Protein backbone atom coordinates (compact mmCIF):
# COMPACT_ATOMS: atom_id res chain seq x y z
CA MET A 1 -41.84 2.87 0.56
CA LEU A 2 -40.78 -0.06 2.65
CA SER A 3 -40.45 -2.10 -0.70
CA PHE A 4 -38.42 0.59 -1.99
CA ILE A 5 -36.11 0.86 1.09
CA ASN A 6 -35.71 -3.19 0.92
CA ASN A 7 -34.94 -2.96 -2.71
CA PHE A 8 -32.42 -0.12 -2.55
CA ASN A 9 -30.25 -1.94 0.22
CA PHE A 10 -30.49 -5.19 -1.68
CA VAL A 11 -29.15 -3.33 -4.82
CA ILE A 12 -26.24 -2.01 -2.83
CA PHE A 13 -25.44 -5.27 -1.35
CA ILE A 14 -25.43 -7.09 -5.13
CA LEU A 15 -23.25 -4.22 -6.36
CA PHE A 16 -20.70 -4.63 -3.77
CA THR A 17 -20.87 -8.31 -4.31
CA VAL A 18 -20.32 -8.25 -8.05
CA CYS A 19 -17.62 -5.55 -7.97
CA TYR A 20 -15.36 -7.15 -5.67
CA SER A 21 -16.33 -10.91 -5.68
CA TYR A 22 -13.20 -11.56 -7.53
CA GLN A 23 -10.93 -10.94 -4.46
CA ILE A 24 -12.93 -13.94 -2.84
CA ILE A 25 -11.35 -16.01 -5.63
CA TYR A 26 -7.91 -14.31 -5.09
CA ALA A 27 -8.35 -15.78 -1.63
CA PHE A 28 -8.71 -19.38 -2.65
CA VAL A 29 -5.91 -19.06 -5.35
CA ALA A 30 -3.56 -17.72 -2.52
CA LEU A 31 -4.47 -20.50 -0.41
CA PHE A 32 -4.05 -23.44 -2.85
CA LYS A 33 -1.76 -22.36 -5.46
CA LYS A 34 1.92 -22.07 -4.99
CA PRO A 35 4.62 -20.05 -6.94
CA LYS A 36 7.12 -21.68 -8.91
CA GLU A 37 10.67 -22.12 -7.72
CA LEU A 38 13.35 -19.86 -9.74
CA THR A 39 16.99 -20.12 -10.19
CA PRO A 40 18.42 -16.91 -11.64
CA LYS A 41 20.92 -17.09 -14.32
CA LYS A 42 22.54 -13.65 -13.55
CA LEU A 43 23.28 -11.58 -10.69
CA HIS A 44 22.13 -8.05 -11.64
CA LYS A 45 23.55 -4.94 -10.65
CA TYR A 46 21.30 -2.48 -8.41
CA ALA A 47 21.09 0.85 -6.92
CA VAL A 48 18.98 1.10 -3.79
CA ILE A 49 17.28 4.51 -3.27
CA THR A 50 15.76 6.06 -0.20
CA ALA A 51 14.26 9.44 0.31
CA ALA A 52 14.67 10.42 3.75
CA ARG A 53 13.55 13.60 5.60
CA ASN A 54 14.61 13.80 9.24
CA GLU A 55 15.13 10.27 9.74
CA SER A 56 18.47 10.07 11.66
CA ALA A 57 17.09 7.70 14.32
CA VAL A 58 16.33 4.79 11.81
CA ILE A 59 18.38 5.30 8.62
CA GLY A 60 21.24 3.63 10.06
CA GLU A 61 19.35 0.16 10.62
CA LEU A 62 18.05 0.41 7.28
CA ILE A 63 21.69 0.78 5.82
CA LYS A 64 22.88 -1.82 7.97
CA SER A 65 20.25 -4.63 6.84
CA ILE A 66 21.19 -3.69 3.18
CA LYS A 67 24.91 -4.23 3.68
CA ASN A 68 24.15 -7.33 5.54
CA GLN A 69 22.39 -8.96 2.40
CA LYS A 70 23.23 -12.34 1.07
CA TYR A 71 24.03 -10.85 -2.19
CA PRO A 72 27.49 -9.71 -3.73
CA SER A 73 28.02 -6.19 -2.14
CA GLU A 74 29.84 -4.95 -5.37
CA LEU A 75 26.46 -5.13 -7.12
CA VAL A 76 24.56 -3.08 -4.74
CA ASP A 77 25.27 0.69 -4.20
CA ILE A 78 23.08 2.69 -1.74
CA PHE A 79 21.83 6.06 -2.27
CA VAL A 80 20.19 8.22 0.17
CA ILE A 81 18.66 11.80 -0.42
CA ALA A 82 18.38 13.76 2.47
CA ASP A 83 15.28 15.96 1.70
CA ASN A 84 14.72 19.04 3.45
CA CYS A 85 16.42 17.88 6.61
CA THR A 86 16.68 19.77 9.63
CA ASP A 87 18.48 17.18 11.66
CA ASN A 88 21.67 15.10 10.95
CA THR A 89 20.23 12.37 8.55
CA ALA A 90 22.88 12.93 5.96
CA GLU A 91 25.77 12.48 8.46
CA VAL A 92 24.32 9.19 9.93
CA ALA A 93 23.58 7.81 6.32
CA ARG A 94 27.18 8.59 5.27
CA LYS A 95 28.75 7.02 8.40
CA ALA A 96 26.66 3.99 7.77
CA GLY A 97 28.11 3.69 4.26
CA ALA A 98 25.63 5.26 1.70
CA ILE A 99 26.19 7.55 -1.04
CA VAL A 100 24.55 10.87 0.29
CA TYR A 101 22.90 13.62 -1.54
CA GLU A 102 21.23 16.67 0.14
CA ARG A 103 18.26 18.34 -1.32
CA ASN A 104 16.52 21.75 0.01
CA ASN A 105 13.50 22.81 -1.97
CA LYS A 106 10.65 24.17 -0.14
CA GLU A 107 8.58 24.52 -3.34
CA LEU A 108 8.58 20.99 -4.54
CA VAL A 109 7.95 19.05 -1.46
CA GLY A 110 7.29 15.14 -1.35
CA LYS A 111 8.86 11.91 -1.88
CA GLY A 112 8.13 12.01 -5.76
CA TYR A 113 10.28 15.14 -6.08
CA ALA A 114 13.02 13.66 -4.01
CA LEU A 115 12.94 10.37 -6.09
CA ASP A 116 13.19 12.51 -9.41
CA PHE A 117 16.16 14.54 -8.02
CA ILE A 118 18.26 11.35 -7.22
CA PHE A 119 17.34 9.56 -10.34
CA LYS A 120 18.32 12.49 -12.37
CA THR A 121 21.52 12.83 -10.29
CA ILE A 122 22.40 9.28 -10.94
CA ALA A 123 21.87 9.62 -14.56
CA THR A 124 24.24 12.20 -14.95
CA GLN A 125 27.18 11.49 -12.36
CA TYR A 126 26.94 7.54 -12.66
CA SER A 127 26.13 6.69 -15.97
CA ASP A 128 28.80 4.46 -16.31
CA ALA A 129 27.59 2.30 -13.16
CA ASN A 130 25.08 0.48 -15.60
CA TYR A 131 22.38 -0.15 -12.78
CA GLU A 132 19.99 -2.56 -14.36
CA GLY A 133 17.28 -1.84 -11.46
CA TYR A 134 16.60 0.44 -8.74
CA PHE A 135 15.22 -0.39 -5.26
CA ILE A 136 13.11 1.90 -3.61
CA PHE A 137 12.60 1.73 0.28
CA ASP A 138 11.72 4.27 2.97
CA ALA A 139 14.00 5.07 5.81
CA ASP A 140 12.13 3.25 8.57
CA ASN A 141 12.54 -0.10 6.61
CA LEU A 142 14.43 -3.26 7.53
CA LEU A 143 15.17 -5.82 4.97
CA ASP A 144 15.45 -9.48 5.58
CA GLU A 145 18.79 -10.86 4.73
CA ASN A 146 17.81 -12.74 1.60
CA TYR A 147 15.64 -9.80 0.14
CA ILE A 148 17.92 -8.85 -2.81
CA ALA A 149 18.69 -12.37 -3.50
CA GLU A 150 15.05 -13.19 -3.72
CA MET A 151 13.94 -10.29 -5.81
CA ASN A 152 16.47 -10.89 -8.30
CA LYS A 153 15.21 -14.13 -8.96
CA MET A 154 12.07 -12.70 -10.10
CA PHE A 155 13.71 -10.03 -11.83
CA ASP A 156 15.77 -12.19 -13.79
CA SER A 157 12.88 -14.09 -14.91
CA GLY A 158 11.56 -10.99 -16.65
CA TYR A 159 9.43 -8.75 -14.42
CA ARG A 160 10.45 -5.04 -14.84
CA ILE A 161 8.78 -4.04 -11.74
CA LEU A 162 8.44 -5.88 -8.58
CA THR A 163 6.90 -5.40 -5.15
CA SER A 164 7.44 -7.68 -2.04
CA TYR A 165 6.05 -8.87 1.28
CA ARG A 166 5.35 -6.14 3.82
CA ASN A 167 5.65 -6.84 7.38
CA SER A 168 5.89 -4.48 10.25
CA LYS A 169 8.23 -3.73 13.00
CA ASN A 170 5.69 -2.73 15.73
CA TYR A 171 2.67 -4.97 14.95
CA ASP A 172 1.71 -5.13 18.58
CA SER A 173 2.12 -1.46 19.59
CA ASN A 174 -1.73 -1.17 19.74
CA TRP A 175 -4.79 -1.54 17.67
CA ILE A 176 -3.81 1.08 15.16
CA SER A 177 -0.47 -0.30 14.42
CA ALA A 178 -2.04 -3.76 14.12
CA GLY A 179 -4.67 -2.56 11.91
CA TYR A 180 -2.19 -1.22 9.39
CA SER A 181 -0.20 -4.30 9.58
CA LEU A 182 -2.89 -6.72 8.94
CA TRP A 183 -3.89 -4.37 5.83
CA PHE A 184 -0.54 -4.84 4.37
CA LEU A 185 -0.26 -8.35 5.10
CA ARG A 186 -3.30 -9.17 3.63
CA GLU A 187 -2.61 -7.13 0.58
CA ALA A 188 0.74 -8.93 0.25
CA LYS A 189 -0.78 -12.57 0.78
CA TYR A 190 -4.37 -12.25 -0.72
CA LEU A 191 -4.05 -9.51 -3.36
CA ASN A 192 -0.69 -9.17 -4.83
CA ASN A 193 0.22 -12.87 -4.27
CA PRO A 194 -2.83 -14.29 -6.26
CA ARG A 195 -2.40 -11.52 -8.79
CA MET A 196 1.11 -12.86 -9.73
CA LEU A 197 0.14 -16.54 -9.53
CA LEU A 198 -2.81 -15.57 -12.01
CA ASN A 199 -0.25 -13.68 -14.45
CA THR A 200 -2.35 -10.26 -13.75
CA SER A 201 -0.54 -7.22 -12.57
CA CYS A 202 0.16 -6.49 -8.96
CA ALA A 203 0.33 -3.03 -7.22
CA VAL A 204 3.00 -1.28 -5.72
CA SER A 205 2.24 -0.20 -2.13
CA GLY A 206 4.39 2.62 -0.74
CA THR A 207 7.59 0.92 -0.29
CA GLY A 208 9.93 -2.16 -0.94
CA PHE A 209 9.57 -2.27 -4.67
CA LEU A 210 12.15 -2.68 -7.61
CA VAL A 211 12.04 -0.96 -11.05
CA HIS A 212 13.98 -1.74 -14.25
CA SER A 213 16.35 1.05 -15.12
CA ASP A 214 14.58 1.15 -18.69
CA ILE A 215 11.56 2.33 -17.10
CA ILE A 216 13.24 4.95 -15.21
CA ASN A 217 15.27 5.98 -18.26
CA LYS A 218 11.94 6.19 -20.55
CA ASN A 219 10.35 8.30 -17.88
CA GLU A 220 13.52 10.56 -17.59
CA GLY A 221 13.31 10.16 -13.85
CA TRP A 222 10.33 9.79 -11.54
CA LYS A 223 7.45 11.75 -12.88
CA TYR A 224 4.69 10.80 -10.15
CA HIS A 225 4.10 13.48 -7.87
CA LEU A 226 0.43 13.05 -6.58
CA LEU A 227 -0.12 12.48 -2.85
CA THR A 228 0.01 8.84 -3.46
CA GLU A 229 2.76 8.50 -5.90
CA ASP A 230 2.94 4.71 -5.45
CA ILE A 231 -0.52 3.80 -6.71
CA GLU A 232 -0.03 6.47 -9.24
CA PHE A 233 3.02 4.56 -10.66
CA SER A 234 1.17 1.34 -10.38
CA ILE A 235 -1.87 2.68 -12.41
CA ASP A 236 0.16 4.33 -14.96
CA SER A 237 2.30 1.16 -15.37
CA VAL A 238 -0.58 -1.16 -15.89
CA ILE A 239 -2.18 1.15 -18.57
CA ASN A 240 1.12 1.23 -20.46
CA GLY A 241 1.17 -2.73 -20.55
CA GLU A 242 3.42 -3.29 -17.51
CA THR A 243 2.83 -6.40 -15.43
CA ILE A 244 4.02 -5.70 -11.85
CA GLY A 245 5.14 -8.75 -10.17
CA TYR A 246 5.30 -9.98 -6.69
CA CYS A 247 7.82 -11.74 -4.63
CA GLY A 248 6.51 -13.35 -1.37
CA ASN A 249 10.01 -14.52 -0.30
CA ALA A 250 11.56 -11.02 -0.24
CA LYS A 251 10.32 -9.61 3.12
CA ILE A 252 10.63 -5.90 4.29
CA TYR A 253 9.41 -4.64 8.05
CA ASP A 254 8.53 -1.04 8.40
CA GLU A 255 6.98 1.09 11.17
CA GLN A 256 3.34 1.84 11.61
CA PRO A 257 1.71 4.85 13.26
CA CYS A 258 0.48 4.32 16.81
CA THR A 259 -1.46 7.41 17.55
CA PHE A 260 -4.70 8.21 15.82
CA GLU A 261 -3.77 11.81 15.05
CA GLN A 262 -0.78 10.46 13.04
CA SER A 263 -2.92 7.85 11.69
CA TRP A 264 -5.49 10.23 10.74
CA ASN A 265 -3.18 12.53 8.88
CA GLN A 266 -1.46 9.92 7.01
CA ARG A 267 -4.82 8.08 5.69
CA LEU A 268 -6.09 11.51 5.19
CA ARG A 269 -3.31 12.07 2.53
CA TRP A 270 -3.67 8.58 1.14
CA SER A 271 -7.73 9.16 0.65
CA LYS A 272 -6.98 12.55 -1.01
CA GLY A 273 -4.26 10.93 -3.31
CA PHE A 274 -6.69 8.05 -4.15
CA TYR A 275 -9.04 10.67 -5.44
CA GLN A 276 -6.48 12.39 -7.38
CA VAL A 277 -5.35 9.16 -9.04
CA PHE A 278 -8.85 8.36 -9.89
CA GLY A 279 -9.70 11.61 -11.34
CA LYS A 280 -6.47 11.62 -13.38
CA TYR A 281 -6.32 7.93 -14.54
CA GLY A 282 -9.96 6.69 -14.02
CA LEU A 283 -11.20 7.05 -17.51
CA SER A 284 -8.00 5.61 -19.03
CA LEU A 285 -8.39 2.51 -16.91
CA VAL A 286 -12.04 1.99 -18.15
CA LYS A 287 -10.73 2.57 -21.73
CA THR A 288 -7.85 0.12 -21.24
CA THR A 289 -10.31 -2.56 -19.65
CA PHE A 290 -12.57 -2.69 -22.48
CA GLN A 291 -10.35 -1.84 -25.51
CA LYS A 292 -7.70 -4.10 -24.42
CA HIS A 293 -9.72 -6.74 -22.48
CA CYS A 294 -7.26 -6.01 -19.64
CA PHE A 295 -8.40 -7.44 -16.33
CA SER A 296 -5.57 -5.85 -14.49
CA ALA A 297 -7.04 -2.67 -15.56
CA TYR A 298 -10.27 -3.43 -14.11
CA ASP A 299 -8.60 -4.64 -10.84
CA MET A 300 -6.72 -1.32 -10.60
CA PHE A 301 -9.77 0.64 -11.30
CA MET A 302 -11.68 -1.26 -8.44
CA THR A 303 -8.72 -0.51 -6.20
CA ILE A 304 -8.78 3.26 -6.55
CA THR A 305 -12.47 3.61 -7.21
CA PRO A 306 -14.05 5.46 -4.13
CA ALA A 307 -16.15 2.64 -2.99
CA ILE A 308 -16.82 4.56 0.32
CA PHE A 309 -19.23 6.74 -1.85
CA VAL A 310 -21.56 3.80 -2.33
CA THR A 311 -21.27 3.06 1.33
CA LEU A 312 -21.88 6.62 2.23
CA THR A 313 -25.05 6.73 -0.03
CA SER A 314 -26.40 3.72 1.59
CA ILE A 315 -25.93 5.09 5.08
CA LEU A 316 -27.43 8.47 4.21
CA PHE A 317 -30.49 7.13 2.50
CA ASN A 318 -31.31 4.97 5.38
CA LEU A 319 -30.54 7.75 7.99
CA SER A 320 -32.93 10.08 5.71
CA CYS A 321 -35.68 7.20 5.78
CA LEU A 322 -35.05 6.82 9.73
CA ILE A 323 -35.48 10.38 10.14
CA TYR A 324 -38.61 10.66 7.93
CA GLY A 325 -40.07 7.92 9.99
CA ILE A 326 -39.48 9.64 13.12
CA PHE A 327 -40.96 13.12 12.26
CA SER A 328 -43.46 12.30 9.75
CA LEU A 329 -46.99 11.65 10.77
CA THR A 330 -48.17 9.98 7.82
CA ALA A 331 -45.06 7.43 7.60
CA SER A 332 -45.64 3.81 8.15
CA PRO A 333 -44.48 2.85 11.77
CA LYS A 334 -42.52 -0.05 10.26
CA ILE A 335 -40.09 2.45 8.52
CA ILE A 336 -38.28 3.01 11.63
CA PRO A 337 -37.48 -0.67 12.40
CA THR A 338 -36.86 -1.21 8.85
CA THR A 339 -34.20 1.53 8.30
CA LEU A 340 -32.54 0.71 11.59
CA GLY A 341 -32.39 -2.92 10.61
CA ALA A 342 -30.89 -2.04 7.28
CA ILE A 343 -28.17 0.21 9.02
CA LEU A 344 -27.25 -2.50 11.71
CA ILE A 345 -27.26 -5.34 9.09
CA SER A 346 -25.14 -3.28 6.61
CA PHE A 347 -22.49 -2.60 9.46
CA PHE A 348 -22.66 -6.02 10.65
CA ASN A 349 -22.04 -7.59 7.19
CA PHE A 350 -19.00 -5.38 6.53
CA TYR A 351 -17.84 -6.01 9.90
CA ILE A 352 -17.99 -9.85 9.30
CA VAL A 353 -16.40 -9.81 5.86
CA LEU A 354 -13.45 -7.59 7.16
CA TYR A 355 -13.13 -9.79 10.28
CA ALA A 356 -12.91 -12.94 8.23
CA PHE A 357 -10.24 -11.19 6.07
CA GLY A 358 -8.33 -10.30 9.19
CA LEU A 359 -8.81 -13.60 10.78
CA LEU A 360 -7.56 -15.45 7.68
CA THR A 361 -4.54 -13.35 7.36
CA THR A 362 -3.60 -13.89 10.99
CA ILE A 363 -4.09 -17.55 10.81
CA THR A 364 -2.04 -17.77 7.80
CA GLU A 365 0.62 -15.36 8.51
CA TRP A 366 0.83 -16.48 12.38
CA ASP A 367 4.41 -17.19 12.24
CA GLN A 368 5.18 -13.98 10.51
CA ILE A 369 3.67 -11.75 12.93
CA ASN A 370 5.83 -10.55 15.78
CA SER A 371 3.48 -10.49 18.72
CA THR A 372 2.03 -12.45 21.56
CA PRO A 373 -0.91 -15.10 20.69
CA PHE A 374 -3.32 -13.06 22.87
CA LYS A 375 -2.86 -9.84 20.99
CA LYS A 376 -2.72 -11.69 17.49
CA ILE A 377 -6.30 -12.73 18.27
CA LEU A 378 -7.52 -9.55 19.88
CA TYR A 379 -6.44 -7.46 17.07
CA THR A 380 -8.59 -9.64 14.48
CA PHE A 381 -11.49 -8.01 16.28
CA THR A 382 -10.22 -4.41 16.17
CA PHE A 383 -9.21 -4.73 12.59
CA PRO A 384 -12.72 -3.92 11.08
CA VAL A 385 -13.04 -1.05 13.53
CA PHE A 386 -9.68 0.28 12.00
CA ILE A 387 -10.99 0.05 8.51
CA PHE A 388 -14.31 1.81 9.50
CA THR A 389 -12.41 4.85 10.53
CA TYR A 390 -11.86 5.35 7.05
CA ILE A 391 -15.37 6.68 6.59
CA PRO A 392 -14.92 10.06 8.27
CA ILE A 393 -11.28 10.23 6.61
CA SER A 394 -12.70 9.91 3.37
CA ILE A 395 -15.38 12.46 3.93
CA VAL A 396 -12.85 15.20 5.16
CA ALA A 397 -10.37 14.26 2.20
CA LEU A 398 -13.16 15.16 -0.20
CA PHE A 399 -13.16 18.87 0.89
CA LYS A 400 -10.03 19.60 2.77
CA LYS A 401 -6.78 20.59 1.03
CA ILE A 402 -4.05 18.48 2.08
CA GLU A 403 -0.20 18.75 1.50
CA TRP A 404 2.37 15.97 1.83
CA THR A 405 3.92 15.83 5.27
CA PRO A 406 6.37 13.38 6.88
CA ILE A 407 5.71 10.59 9.43
CA ASN A 408 7.81 10.81 12.37
CA HIS A 409 9.55 7.36 13.01
CA THR A 410 10.67 6.51 16.36
CA VAL A 411 10.84 2.69 16.58
CA VAL A 412 14.41 1.70 16.53
CA LYS A 413 15.10 -1.64 15.88
CA SER A 414 17.46 -4.02 14.10
CA ILE A 415 16.33 -6.75 11.78
CA GLU A 416 17.38 -9.35 14.25
CA GLU A 417 14.79 -7.91 16.71
CA VAL A 418 11.88 -8.04 14.22
CA ARG A 419 12.49 -11.02 12.45
């Protein structure tokens, strides 16, 4: 029995190590390999798209940061879709200089449906505008003044889908906002950046990305309507042979939740969305991995694979052995310390790995994080705790019916304040 417990935990450890060891290689690539400097041959014409629901507090600053871009204004049109709003989002956006459409549909609710609406509207009413690409932002975003110019360099080099460096407006609000922020900074620096450097595909993360008009036209709008439409779009693009690029010099800032209730609801939706994407595209990713020898498909498969199930299996197995050891008269007295030790070691190992990634990200992105030195260090210790809270969230997401709900944004800052 003791031998079986030890062997089981060893197999779980090896399984995780084998499946995710490539991300350690990613970290070394990010540290030691630098992207090439690009000079665009053409300044392309773009439309900026934002789906906004009751975002009157923040939409004005987003539009202001777009209008202040160091890129020819005649090549950038700003569209806002005020989606099922009950406030004056549309009025604020029009006053700030955006082209605004209002949508009221209580049946088809969610960002994906709003995007599909505005893309189809542009296709019929602005067909002569000849937009070559579409930027997609959330209403709480702020753009660095060189954002579009930097993305244009990568777009001009041939990438048809691009994502960017995602930073936060409110990193130091508390350990929750810092947890989000570190995760997105790590994703940009140590996942998407090395993917791009190794010529594999990146993944779009929620907001701050650019899509070629040919892809939108081919799809006849925006066809992604699962709870995590961003990762669904990424997965479908990889399966269809697209390589998503990354531009580290294009920086956006967005607002992170500060309350655990708001964070719980948002990540509950994300977890459910990942299950949906896994169910819909998991088999296709496996086929693409082996039939086309596509590492990007494997990478995306590992991104959406519910690895939490392996963790839960390990925890439940060891807890069962612990309970057996406590209540069974015939059990070996060594079962209790063995299983307790296995549980503690598992949590310790995960904590150390997560802390290491959080610390590495904090050190390398130190100047990009808008916070005090004390908080920067403090939140490296709470980062693993933030990730551990995904365990109960992932369990609840398995059984609970979840619908798309908006996140209330209240952090009103200008780009000058957060930069």
